[in-house]
Protein backbone atom coordinates (compact mmCIF):
# COMPACT_ATOMS: atom_id res chain seq x y z
CA MET A 1 133.68 -125.91 114.64
CA ARG A 2 130.03 -125.57 115.62
CA ILE A 3 128.98 -125.25 119.34
CA LEU A 4 125.22 -125.38 120.11
CA GLY A 5 124.18 -124.54 116.56
CA PHE A 6 127.05 -121.51 116.46
CA GLU A 7 130.06 -121.96 114.16
CA ILE A 8 133.39 -120.67 115.81
CA GLY A 9 136.29 -119.61 114.26
CA ARG A 10 134.57 -117.84 111.06
CA SER A 11 136.21 -114.34 110.19
CA ARG A 12 134.30 -111.03 109.84
CA ALA A 13 135.01 -111.04 106.28
CA GLU A 14 133.25 -114.26 105.80
CA ASP A 15 130.41 -112.84 107.72
CA ASP A 16 130.02 -110.03 105.67
CA VAL A 17 129.75 -112.15 102.70
CA ALA A 18 127.06 -114.40 103.88
CA VAL A 19 124.59 -111.62 104.92
CA PRO A 20 123.31 -110.70 101.50
CA ALA A 21 122.36 -114.34 100.89
CA LYS A 22 120.68 -114.53 104.34
CA ARG A 23 118.81 -111.20 103.40
CA GLN A 24 117.83 -112.70 100.13
CA TYR A 25 116.34 -115.57 101.88
CA ILE A 26 114.27 -113.68 104.28
CA ALA A 27 113.03 -111.17 101.49
CA LYS A 28 111.66 -114.11 99.46
CA GLY A 29 110.11 -115.69 102.57
CA ALA A 30 108.69 -112.17 103.37
CA GLN A 31 107.14 -111.99 100.00
CA LYS A 32 105.30 -114.97 100.33
CA ARG A 33 103.75 -113.91 103.47
CA SER A 34 102.88 -110.49 102.38
CA PHE A 35 99.65 -109.17 101.06
CA GLN A 36 98.88 -110.75 97.47
CA SER A 37 97.22 -107.88 96.14
CA GLY A 38 100.41 -106.04 96.40
CA ILE A 39 102.32 -108.43 94.30
CA THR A 40 103.12 -107.90 90.49
CA ASP A 41 103.04 -110.96 88.38
CA ARG A 42 102.00 -112.21 85.18
CA LEU A 43 98.27 -112.36 86.33
CA THR A 44 98.32 -108.94 87.78
CA SER A 45 100.59 -107.10 85.27
CA LYS A 46 97.39 -105.38 83.97
CA TRP A 47 96.15 -104.11 87.35
CA THR A 48 97.07 -100.39 88.40
CA VAL A 49 99.58 -99.66 90.72
CA ALA A 50 99.15 -95.88 90.59
CA ASP A 51 98.12 -94.39 93.85
CA GLN A 52 95.78 -91.57 92.95
CA THR A 53 93.61 -89.44 95.32
CA VAL A 54 90.15 -89.05 94.27
CA ASN A 55 91.03 -85.26 93.22
CA GLN A 56 93.66 -86.55 90.93
CA SER A 57 91.24 -88.80 89.24
CA LEU A 58 88.48 -85.98 89.33
CA LEU A 59 90.82 -83.81 87.64
CA LYS A 60 91.27 -86.10 84.55
CA ASN A 61 87.79 -87.85 84.50
CA LEU A 62 85.27 -85.71 85.99
CA ARG A 63 83.93 -83.99 82.80
CA ALA A 64 83.64 -87.36 80.91
CA MET A 65 81.89 -89.05 83.96
CA ARG A 66 79.48 -86.42 84.27
CA ALA A 67 78.60 -86.58 80.52
CA ARG A 68 78.19 -90.37 80.61
CA SER A 69 76.29 -90.15 83.57
CA ARG A 70 73.80 -87.78 82.14
CA ASP A 71 73.71 -89.92 79.01
CA PHE A 72 72.78 -93.15 81.47
CA ALA A 73 69.95 -90.88 82.83
CA LYS A 74 68.56 -89.64 79.18
CA ASN A 75 69.07 -92.69 77.38
CA ASN A 76 69.27 -95.88 79.22
CA GLU A 77 65.95 -97.52 80.90
CA TYR A 78 67.76 -98.61 84.03
CA GLY A 79 69.43 -95.33 84.51
CA ARG A 80 66.10 -93.74 84.30
CA LYS A 81 64.82 -95.98 86.84
CA PHE A 82 67.73 -95.61 89.06
CA PHE A 83 67.38 -91.78 89.40
CA GLY A 84 63.56 -92.26 89.89
CA MET A 85 64.36 -94.23 92.98
CA VAL A 86 66.67 -91.64 94.14
CA ARG A 87 63.71 -89.05 94.01
CA ALA A 88 60.98 -91.64 95.37
CA ASN A 89 63.32 -92.91 98.24
CA VAL A 90 65.24 -89.82 99.51
CA VAL A 91 62.46 -87.36 99.03
CA GLY A 92 59.18 -88.87 98.72
CA SER A 93 55.92 -87.75 97.34
CA ALA A 94 55.58 -85.42 100.67
CA GLY A 95 59.06 -84.13 100.97
CA PHE A 96 60.97 -83.80 104.20
CA THR A 97 58.84 -83.40 107.44
CA LEU A 98 59.53 -80.21 109.44
CA LYS A 99 59.30 -80.36 113.54
CA VAL A 100 59.91 -77.10 115.59
CA ASN A 101 60.54 -77.61 119.16
CA CYS A 102 60.96 -74.22 121.07
CA LEU A 103 61.63 -74.66 124.57
CA ASN A 104 60.97 -72.40 127.45
CA GLN A 105 63.53 -71.86 130.18
CA ASP A 106 62.21 -74.53 132.30
CA GLY A 107 62.60 -76.86 129.56
CA SER A 108 59.06 -77.43 128.47
CA CYS A 109 57.82 -77.31 124.86
CA ASP A 110 56.46 -73.87 123.74
CA HIS A 111 53.83 -75.33 121.52
CA GLU A 112 52.35 -71.77 120.39
CA ASP A 113 55.82 -70.44 119.10
CA SER A 114 56.51 -73.90 117.68
CA LYS A 115 53.26 -73.80 115.74
CA ARG A 116 54.06 -70.30 114.56
CA ILE A 117 57.35 -70.83 113.26
CA ARG A 118 56.51 -73.96 111.40
CA LYS A 119 53.42 -72.15 109.87
CA ALA A 120 55.93 -69.41 108.56
CA TYR A 121 58.18 -71.83 106.98
CA LEU A 122 55.64 -73.76 105.41
CA LYS A 123 54.75 -70.36 103.81
CA PHE A 124 58.29 -70.12 102.77
CA ALA A 125 58.39 -73.51 101.18
CA LYS A 126 55.34 -72.92 98.77
CA PRO A 127 56.18 -72.32 94.98
CA GLY A 128 56.52 -68.66 94.36
CA ASN A 129 58.44 -68.02 97.49
CA PHE A 130 61.04 -70.67 97.59
CA ASP A 131 63.16 -70.28 94.64
CA VAL A 132 64.24 -67.52 92.37
CA THR A 133 62.32 -69.04 89.17
CA GLY A 134 58.95 -69.00 91.08
CA LYS A 135 58.32 -72.46 89.68
CA LEU A 136 59.48 -74.77 92.58
CA SER A 137 58.02 -75.62 95.78
CA GLU A 138 60.57 -77.10 98.63
CA THR A 139 59.71 -80.58 97.73
CA MET A 140 59.96 -79.98 94.06
CA PHE A 141 63.24 -78.15 94.76
CA ASP A 142 64.66 -81.09 96.66
CA MET A 143 63.73 -83.91 94.15
CA LEU A 144 65.46 -81.69 91.50
CA ALA A 145 68.59 -81.16 93.61
CA MET A 146 68.83 -84.74 94.43
CA THR A 147 68.70 -85.84 90.79
CA MET A 148 71.30 -83.33 90.05
CA ILE A 149 73.43 -84.54 93.00
CA ALA A 150 73.04 -88.05 92.09
CA ARG A 151 73.37 -87.65 88.13
CA ASP A 152 76.26 -85.09 88.17
CA GLY A 153 77.80 -85.83 91.58
CA GLU A 154 77.21 -82.59 92.80
CA VAL A 155 74.92 -79.44 92.81
CA LEU A 156 75.28 -75.73 93.83
CA VAL A 157 72.46 -73.92 96.02
CA ARG A 158 72.71 -70.15 96.08
CA LYS A 159 71.10 -68.30 98.84
CA VAL A 160 69.76 -64.76 97.45
CA THR A 161 68.43 -62.12 99.62
CA GLY A 162 66.98 -58.66 99.10
CA ARG A 163 63.43 -57.19 98.40
CA GLY A 164 61.33 -58.95 95.96
CA PHE A 165 62.66 -62.37 96.80
CA GLY A 166 59.68 -63.80 98.05
CA VAL A 167 57.77 -63.10 101.02
CA HIS A 168 60.55 -63.13 103.71
CA GLY A 169 62.82 -61.47 101.45
CA CYS A 170 65.24 -64.45 100.57
CA GLN A 171 64.92 -67.59 98.23
CA LEU A 172 67.17 -70.19 96.92
CA GLN A 173 68.77 -70.67 93.37
CA LEU A 174 69.51 -74.27 91.92
CA LEU A 175 72.86 -74.35 89.92
CA SER A 176 74.47 -76.96 87.80
CA ALA A 177 77.72 -78.02 88.92
CA HIS A 178 79.18 -77.83 85.32
CA LEU A 179 79.14 -73.92 86.02
CA LEU A 180 82.40 -74.68 88.03
CA ASP A 181 85.23 -74.95 85.18
CA GLU A 182 87.26 -78.07 86.01
CA GLU A 183 90.29 -76.53 84.08
CA HIS A 184 90.34 -73.37 86.43
CA ASN A 185 93.28 -73.98 88.91
CA MET A 186 95.74 -71.50 90.20
CA ASP A 187 97.37 -70.52 93.15
CA LEU A 188 96.63 -67.18 94.72
CA ALA A 189 98.51 -64.64 96.74
CA GLY A 190 97.87 -65.04 100.58
CA GLY A 191 97.75 -68.85 100.37
CA ASN A 192 94.61 -69.47 98.89
CA ARG A 193 94.14 -71.74 96.12
CA ILE A 194 91.63 -72.64 93.19
CA ARG A 195 91.05 -76.16 92.59
CA MET A 196 88.61 -77.01 89.78
CA GLY A 197 86.59 -73.69 90.01
CA VAL A 198 86.61 -73.96 93.96
CA GLU A 199 88.79 -71.63 96.19
CA PHE A 200 90.19 -72.97 99.29
CA ASN A 201 92.26 -71.52 102.19
CA ARG A 202 95.30 -73.24 103.70
CA TRP A 203 93.03 -75.10 105.79
CA MET A 204 91.23 -76.53 102.53
CA LYS A 205 88.05 -74.78 103.60
CA PRO A 206 86.07 -73.52 100.81
CA VAL A 207 85.78 -69.69 100.76
CA ALA A 208 84.43 -68.97 97.36
CA TYR A 209 83.25 -70.64 94.09
CA HIS A 210 84.04 -69.16 90.57
CA LEU A 211 81.19 -69.70 88.32
CA ARG A 212 81.46 -69.45 84.65
CA ILE A 213 79.77 -66.30 83.16
CA MET A 214 77.26 -67.45 80.28
CA ASN A 215 77.38 -64.86 77.81
CA GLY A 216 75.12 -64.25 74.91
CA ASN A 217 73.64 -67.53 73.52
CA ALA A 218 75.91 -69.77 75.68
CA ASP A 219 72.92 -71.39 77.50
CA MET A 220 71.80 -72.53 73.65
CA HIS A 221 75.17 -73.73 72.36
CA GLY A 222 76.83 -74.96 75.79
CA THR A 223 79.93 -72.91 75.46
CA ALA A 224 81.15 -70.30 78.08
CA GLY A 225 83.95 -67.92 78.14
CA GLN A 226 86.87 -67.87 80.34
CA ARG A 227 85.44 -65.09 82.73
CA TYR A 228 84.04 -66.00 86.05
CA GLU A 229 81.95 -64.51 88.82
CA ARG A 230 83.26 -64.99 92.16
CA VAL A 231 80.76 -65.88 94.73
CA SER A 232 81.61 -66.10 98.56
CA ALA A 233 80.99 -69.45 100.45
CA ASP A 234 78.74 -67.78 102.58
CA GLU A 235 76.21 -67.33 99.77
CA MET A 236 76.78 -70.82 98.41
CA LEU A 237 76.12 -74.54 99.22
CA HIS A 238 78.13 -77.20 97.42
CA LEU A 239 76.44 -80.28 97.92
CA PHE A 240 77.97 -83.75 97.06
CA VAL A 241 78.66 -87.02 99.33
CA PRO A 242 82.27 -86.68 99.83
CA GLU A 243 84.58 -90.22 99.03
CA GLU A 244 87.84 -88.69 100.96
CA VAL A 245 88.81 -85.86 103.02
CA ASP A 246 89.55 -82.82 101.37
CA GLN A 247 87.66 -83.58 98.27
CA TRP A 248 87.21 -80.87 95.71
CA ARG A 249 84.14 -81.87 93.61
CA GLY A 250 81.62 -84.45 93.72
CA VAL A 251 81.72 -87.90 91.81
CA PRO A 252 78.68 -89.08 90.08
CA TRP A 253 76.91 -91.54 91.64
CA PRO A 254 76.76 -94.56 89.05
CA PHE A 255 80.46 -94.15 88.48
CA ALA A 256 80.95 -97.59 89.41
CA ALA A 257 78.04 -99.02 87.15
CA LEU A 258 78.52 -97.40 83.79
CA ARG A 259 80.68 -99.62 82.11
CA SER A 260 78.44 -102.62 82.97
CA ALA A 261 75.46 -100.32 81.90
CA LYS A 262 76.99 -99.39 78.38
CA HIS A 263 77.97 -103.11 77.84
CA LEU A 264 74.45 -104.08 78.65
CA GLU A 265 72.65 -101.61 76.67
CA GLU A 266 74.68 -102.44 73.60
CA PHE A 267 74.38 -106.37 74.14
CA GLN A 268 70.50 -105.67 74.31
CA GLU A 269 70.28 -103.37 71.15
CA SER A 270 72.25 -106.23 69.07
CA ALA A 271 70.23 -108.88 70.55
CA GLN A 272 67.00 -107.16 69.84
CA VAL A 273 68.05 -106.37 66.25
CA ASN A 274 68.97 -109.78 65.70
CA ALA A 275 65.72 -111.33 66.90
CA ARG A 276 64.01 -108.82 64.69
CA VAL A 277 66.06 -110.09 61.58
CA GLY A 278 65.61 -113.63 62.69
CA ALA A 279 61.61 -113.01 62.90
CA GLY A 280 61.70 -111.99 59.20
CA LYS A 281 62.74 -115.44 58.07
CA MET A 282 65.12 -114.32 55.05
CA GLY A 283 66.92 -116.25 52.77
CA PHE A 284 68.97 -116.45 49.53
CA PHE A 285 68.73 -117.90 45.97
CA GLN A 286 71.94 -119.87 45.33
CA GLN A 287 72.91 -120.92 41.86
CA LYS A 288 73.74 -124.65 41.89
CA ASP A 289 73.69 -125.71 38.03
CA PRO A 290 76.29 -123.85 35.94
CA GLU A 291 74.03 -124.09 32.91
CA ALA A 292 71.12 -122.38 34.63
CA GLY A 293 72.41 -119.27 32.81
CA ALA A 294 73.40 -115.68 34.39
CA PRO A 295 71.75 -114.64 37.50
CA MET A 296 68.23 -113.36 36.73
CA GLY A 297 66.75 -110.12 37.74
CA VAL A 298 63.99 -109.25 40.45
CA ASP A 299 60.42 -108.10 39.78
CA GLY A 300 61.21 -107.10 36.15
CA GLU A 301 64.17 -105.19 36.60
CA GLU A 302 67.12 -105.44 34.32
CA ASP A 303 70.44 -105.50 35.42
CA ASP A 304 73.49 -103.73 33.72
CA ALA A 305 73.83 -106.66 31.53
CA GLY A 306 70.40 -106.96 30.20
CA TYR A 307 69.48 -109.93 32.13
CA GLY A 308 66.28 -110.26 33.98
CA GLY A 309 63.32 -108.30 33.28
CA GLU A 310 60.70 -111.28 33.58
CA GLY A 311 60.26 -111.30 37.20
CA ASP A 312 61.82 -114.83 37.65
CA PHE A 313 63.02 -114.43 41.36
CA ILE A 314 60.63 -114.01 44.42
CA ASP A 315 61.48 -110.97 46.72
CA GLU A 316 58.25 -111.15 48.74
CA ALA A 317 56.42 -113.65 50.59
CA ASP A 318 52.88 -113.59 52.04
CA PRO A 319 51.43 -115.88 54.50
CA GLY A 320 49.61 -118.82 53.18
CA THR A 321 51.32 -118.77 49.79
CA PHE A 322 53.81 -121.10 47.89
CA ASN A 323 56.17 -120.04 44.89
CA VAL A 324 58.38 -122.17 42.64
CA ILE A 325 62.15 -121.88 42.73
CA PRO A 326 63.75 -121.13 39.34
CA ASP A 327 65.31 -124.09 37.60
CA GLY A 328 69.05 -124.34 38.66
CA TYR A 329 68.59 -122.42 41.95
CA GLU A 330 67.97 -123.53 45.37
CA PHE A 331 66.86 -121.66 48.57
CA SER A 332 69.09 -121.12 51.35
CA GLU A 333 67.64 -120.07 54.53
CA PHE A 334 69.04 -117.16 56.65
CA ASN A 335 67.65 -117.83 60.30
CA PRO A 336 69.64 -116.25 63.21
CA SER A 337 68.95 -118.26 66.33
CA TYR A 338 70.09 -115.72 68.86
CA PRO A 339 69.01 -114.50 71.26
CA ASN A 340 68.98 -118.28 72.82
CA ASP A 341 68.86 -119.61 76.10
CA VAL A 342 71.89 -117.90 77.47
CA TYR A 343 70.49 -114.48 77.08
CA ASP A 344 68.20 -114.02 80.15
CA PRO A 345 70.90 -115.40 82.52
CA PHE A 346 73.54 -112.95 81.05
CA VAL A 347 71.24 -109.87 81.57
CA LYS A 348 70.32 -110.89 85.07
CA SER A 349 73.93 -111.48 85.96
CA THR A 350 74.66 -108.08 84.55
CA LEU A 351 71.87 -106.30 86.23
CA ARG A 352 72.93 -107.84 89.58
CA THR A 353 76.42 -106.10 89.05
CA MET A 354 74.96 -102.83 88.20
CA ALA A 355 72.73 -102.90 91.18
CA MET A 356 75.70 -103.45 93.44
CA GLY A 357 77.54 -100.58 91.79
CA LEU A 358 74.58 -98.34 92.20
CA LEU A 359 74.11 -99.57 96.06
CA VAL A 360 70.22 -100.59 95.38
CA SER A 361 68.50 -103.90 95.07
CA ALA A 362 68.56 -106.03 91.91
CA HIS A 363 64.98 -106.42 91.93
CA GLY A 364 64.22 -103.08 92.56
CA LEU A 365 66.26 -101.71 89.78
CA SER A 366 65.11 -104.41 87.15
CA GLY A 367 61.52 -105.15 88.44
CA ASP A 368 62.12 -108.59 87.97
CA LEU A 369 60.64 -110.60 90.74
CA THR A 370 60.74 -114.39 89.18
CA ASP A 371 63.69 -115.65 90.93
CA VAL A 372 63.40 -113.96 94.24
CA ASN A 373 61.20 -115.18 97.33
CA PHE A 374 59.67 -113.16 100.41
CA SER A 375 62.85 -113.49 102.61
CA SER A 376 65.08 -112.28 100.14
CA ILE A 377 62.89 -109.60 98.99
CA ARG A 378 62.51 -108.42 102.69
CA SER A 379 66.28 -108.65 103.53
CA GLY A 380 67.38 -106.86 100.36
CA THR A 381 64.59 -104.16 100.96
CA LEU A 382 65.78 -103.63 104.37
CA ASP A 383 69.43 -103.12 103.37
CA GLU A 384 68.43 -100.62 100.65
CA ARG A 385 66.09 -98.79 103.02
CA GLU A 386 68.99 -98.23 105.28
CA MET A 387 71.27 -96.91 102.43
CA TRP A 388 68.35 -94.35 101.76
CA LYS A 389 67.95 -93.11 105.37
CA VAL A 390 71.82 -92.65 105.17
CA ILE A 391 71.42 -90.12 102.39
CA GLN A 392 68.41 -88.81 103.76
CA ASN A 393 70.42 -87.72 106.98
CA TRP A 394 73.16 -86.31 104.81
CA TYR A 395 70.93 -84.17 102.82
CA ILE A 396 69.24 -83.01 106.10
CA ASP A 397 72.60 -81.93 107.61
CA ALA A 398 73.98 -80.50 104.38
CA LYS A 399 71.26 -78.60 103.32
CA LYS A 400 68.02 -78.34 105.32
CA MET A 401 69.71 -77.71 108.62
CA MET A 402 71.86 -75.03 106.94
CA ILE A 403 69.01 -73.21 105.14
CA PHE A 404 66.74 -73.02 108.19
CA PRO A 405 68.61 -70.59 110.33
CA TRP A 406 69.57 -68.24 107.30
CA TRP A 407 65.71 -68.21 106.45
CA LEU A 408 64.69 -67.72 110.25
CA THR A 409 66.76 -64.63 110.51
CA ARG A 410 65.11 -63.01 107.68
CA ALA A 411 61.65 -64.41 108.28
CA LEU A 412 61.65 -62.98 111.97
CA MET A 413 62.19 -59.19 110.56
CA ASN A 414 59.82 -59.83 107.32
CA ASP A 415 57.03 -62.17 108.38
CA ASP A 416 54.06 -60.44 109.66
CA ASP A 417 53.25 -63.09 112.39
CA LEU A 418 56.89 -63.36 113.45
CA LYS A 419 57.59 -59.94 113.97
CA LYS A 420 56.09 -60.11 117.25
CA LEU A 421 58.78 -62.45 118.55
CA PRO A 422 61.91 -60.91 119.87
CA PHE A 423 65.04 -61.31 117.90
CA THR A 424 66.95 -61.79 121.09
CA LYS A 425 65.47 -65.13 121.33
CA PHE A 426 66.87 -66.45 117.97
CA GLU A 427 68.51 -69.49 119.77
CA LYS A 428 64.97 -70.51 121.21
CA TYR A 429 63.21 -70.32 117.68
CA ASP A 430 66.35 -72.13 115.95
CA ALA A 431 64.80 -75.53 117.15
CA ALA A 432 64.04 -77.34 113.58
CA GLU A 433 64.36 -80.80 113.25
CA PHE A 434 63.84 -82.48 109.61
CA PHE A 435 63.55 -86.18 108.98
CA GLY A 436 62.81 -87.97 105.53
CA ARG A 437 59.91 -90.11 104.40
CA GLY A 438 59.36 -93.66 105.80
CA TRP A 439 58.23 -96.81 104.34
CA ASP A 440 55.07 -99.15 104.88
CA TRP A 441 55.81 -102.22 106.81
CA VAL A 442 57.62 -104.97 104.76
CA ASP A 443 55.61 -107.71 106.80
CA PRO A 444 52.80 -105.56 108.46
CA ARG A 445 51.41 -107.81 110.95
CA ASN A 446 54.67 -109.23 112.42
CA ASP A 447 56.50 -105.94 112.00
CA MET A 448 53.99 -104.16 113.94
CA LEU A 449 53.80 -107.14 116.76
CA ALA A 450 57.65 -106.46 117.02
CA ALA A 451 57.24 -102.91 117.38
CA LYS A 452 54.57 -103.23 120.08
CA GLU A 453 56.59 -105.72 121.72
CA GLY A 454 59.66 -102.96 121.88
CA VAL A 455 57.16 -100.26 123.09
CA ALA A 456 56.13 -102.99 125.94
CA LEU A 457 59.83 -103.66 126.88
CA GLY A 458 60.62 -100.10 126.97
CA VAL A 459 63.30 -100.26 124.45
CA LYS A 460 61.44 -98.36 121.61
CA SER A 461 59.11 -95.25 122.02
CA ARG A 462 55.84 -94.58 120.09
CA ALA A 463 57.40 -91.49 118.67
CA SER A 464 60.32 -93.45 117.12
CA ILE A 465 58.01 -95.79 115.54
CA ILE A 466 55.92 -92.85 114.11
CA ARG A 467 59.01 -91.15 112.86
CA ALA A 468 60.02 -94.34 111.26
CA ASN A 469 57.14 -94.03 109.07
CA GLY A 470 57.83 -90.55 107.76
CA ARG A 471 55.46 -88.59 110.00
CA ASP A 472 55.46 -86.14 113.01
CA PRO A 473 54.73 -87.60 116.09
CA GLN A 474 52.78 -84.56 117.23
CA ASP A 475 50.73 -84.68 114.15
CA VAL A 476 49.33 -88.21 114.87
CA TRP A 477 48.74 -87.54 118.50
CA ASP A 478 46.69 -84.21 117.51
CA GLU A 479 44.89 -86.29 114.98
CA LEU A 480 44.20 -88.98 117.65
CA ASP A 481 42.94 -86.31 119.93
CA ALA A 482 40.52 -84.95 117.24
CA GLU A 483 39.20 -88.50 116.84
CA ALA A 484 38.69 -88.83 120.49
CA ASP A 485 36.66 -85.63 120.70
CA ARG A 486 34.57 -87.09 117.77
CA GLY A 487 33.69 -90.11 119.77
CA PHE A 488 36.13 -92.45 118.12
CA THR A 489 38.30 -94.42 120.17
CA ALA A 490 41.17 -96.90 119.24
CA PRO A 491 40.24 -100.52 119.10
CA ALA A 492 41.58 -102.50 122.17
CA VAL A 493 44.18 -104.84 120.93
CA ALA A 494 45.10 -107.72 123.20
CA SER A 495 48.92 -107.96 123.87
CA SER A 496 50.75 -110.65 121.97
CA ALA A 497 52.48 -111.57 125.13
CA ALA A 498 49.03 -112.55 126.57
CA LYS A 499 47.90 -114.68 123.41
CA ARG A 500 51.08 -116.63 124.17
CA PRO A 501 50.13 -120.35 125.69
CA PRO A 502 51.61 -120.84 128.94
CA PRO A 503 54.77 -122.78 129.29
CA GLU A 504 54.33 -126.61 130.04
CA ASP A 505 55.53 -127.70 133.27
CA GLU A 506 58.72 -129.51 133.77
CA ASP A 507 59.28 -132.59 135.19
C-alpha cells in the first residue's frame, strides 16, 4: 500500500534488503557526476595514480634529471639558447642595481651615508674581492649562479670570512649542488634528520649541509668518497625555486621540456642525415637478364670468385658526364624524399611545446618570426618579461638581501671609509634595495605616452618608470641636474591630452 509516495506495510527485513541496491544506484550516479580526471578506465589505465610528493620524486629522479639537463645545456642548440636567455633576462649585462636609502631620525634621506655605503659595496663587488677565486665580479657571479640554478635546479653559496678574503675580510664561494649526496639520508639523535645531504630540524628548517669531500683526483674523475664535511646553515645559502612546501632540493628548470627536446633533437638529426643522403643522388645496378653473367667487379677489383677486374661498373659520377650501363643491368635510383612538407610544421609545433615547458616565448626560443605579427610578439614578450621579473625578485630576496647585512657587518669594521660610522647605527645603514634589469619599450612611442598619462593621472610615479627600465631614479636625476648645470634643458613636450581634438557638440 502506498500513501503519498510512501509504501506502508513493509517489514524491516525488506528495507534492509533494499538498501544495498539503492546505495549502488547512488554510487553509480555519483561517479558520473565526479571528477573525470580521477576515474580509471580503458582510456586512462596508463595514467599514473601514484600520489607522490616532490621530495619522493626528487629522491628517485634528481640525479638523472640533472644529468639530462646538463646534456641539454651542452649539446642542444635550444638548450644553449634557453640558458642564455636566463642569463640575459634575469641578470643582464649590467647586473642588479643597488640603492641604499639611509634615513635620519626625522625620516629624511641621509645622502652622504647612503653614498658612502654604496661606494663601499661597489668596491666589494669587483673581481678579486667578491669571490674566493678572485676571478668573478658580482655580475659574473650572479650570471654563473643563475645558469647553475636553471640547469641543475639549485646552487650553493658559501659565506667565507677571515683575513686575506678580500678588502673587507669576507668573500663568497660558489658550489655545485652535486656535492650534496642524494643518497645520504638518515635520522639523527635529537630529532634532526638528513635528507639528500641536507640536515633539517623537526620544523624542517635547514640547519646544516653535508658536502662530499673530493679526495685526490675525484675532481678529475667525478667520483667522491662517502666522507662528508658538515657546514652550518649560517654559512651557506641553498638557492632554488621551491615547487612545494618543505622541499629538500631543487628541480632543474627544463624538467617539463626535456623529453620533447630529446625527441626533436633525434628527429632533426635523422632528417638532416636523410637529406644529406638524398642530396647524394645514389643508386644501384640491378641485374635483369639472367644470361648477363655473374656480377661484375668495380674499378678493376676482383671478387673472391675471380670475376671483375675490368672496371665495368660505374662507382663515381662527375657533373656533366654520361656513362653507359653494362648489358643486362639497369639502374635503380635511391632518392629519399624526406624531409618533406610536414617537417617545418612538426618542428614548430614541438618548439611551441618546449617553450611552454620552459616558460618562455616560442619566438624567443626559436628565433623564428615568420608566423608572428606585432601584436602577438608584444603580448608574448610582455608575458615572458613578467616571468623574468618574478625570478629577479626571488633571487633578490633569496641571495642579495641575505648577503648585504652579512657583508655590512664586516665592512663597517674593515673598510677605511666606513670605520668612521658608528656600529650602533647598523639598522640605519642596513637599508639596501636591489632591483633587476629593465627592458626597452616594446612600442616606444605608445608606451611612453601611456607612462606619461599615468604620471599625469597620479597613478604612476616617475621613479617607478625609471626603475622599470632597470635604472636607479637618483642616478637619472643626478644626470639631469648635471646636464642642467651645463645649460642643457629637456625639450618641452606637449601633453598628449592637449593634442586630442575637442569633443563634438552634442545636439
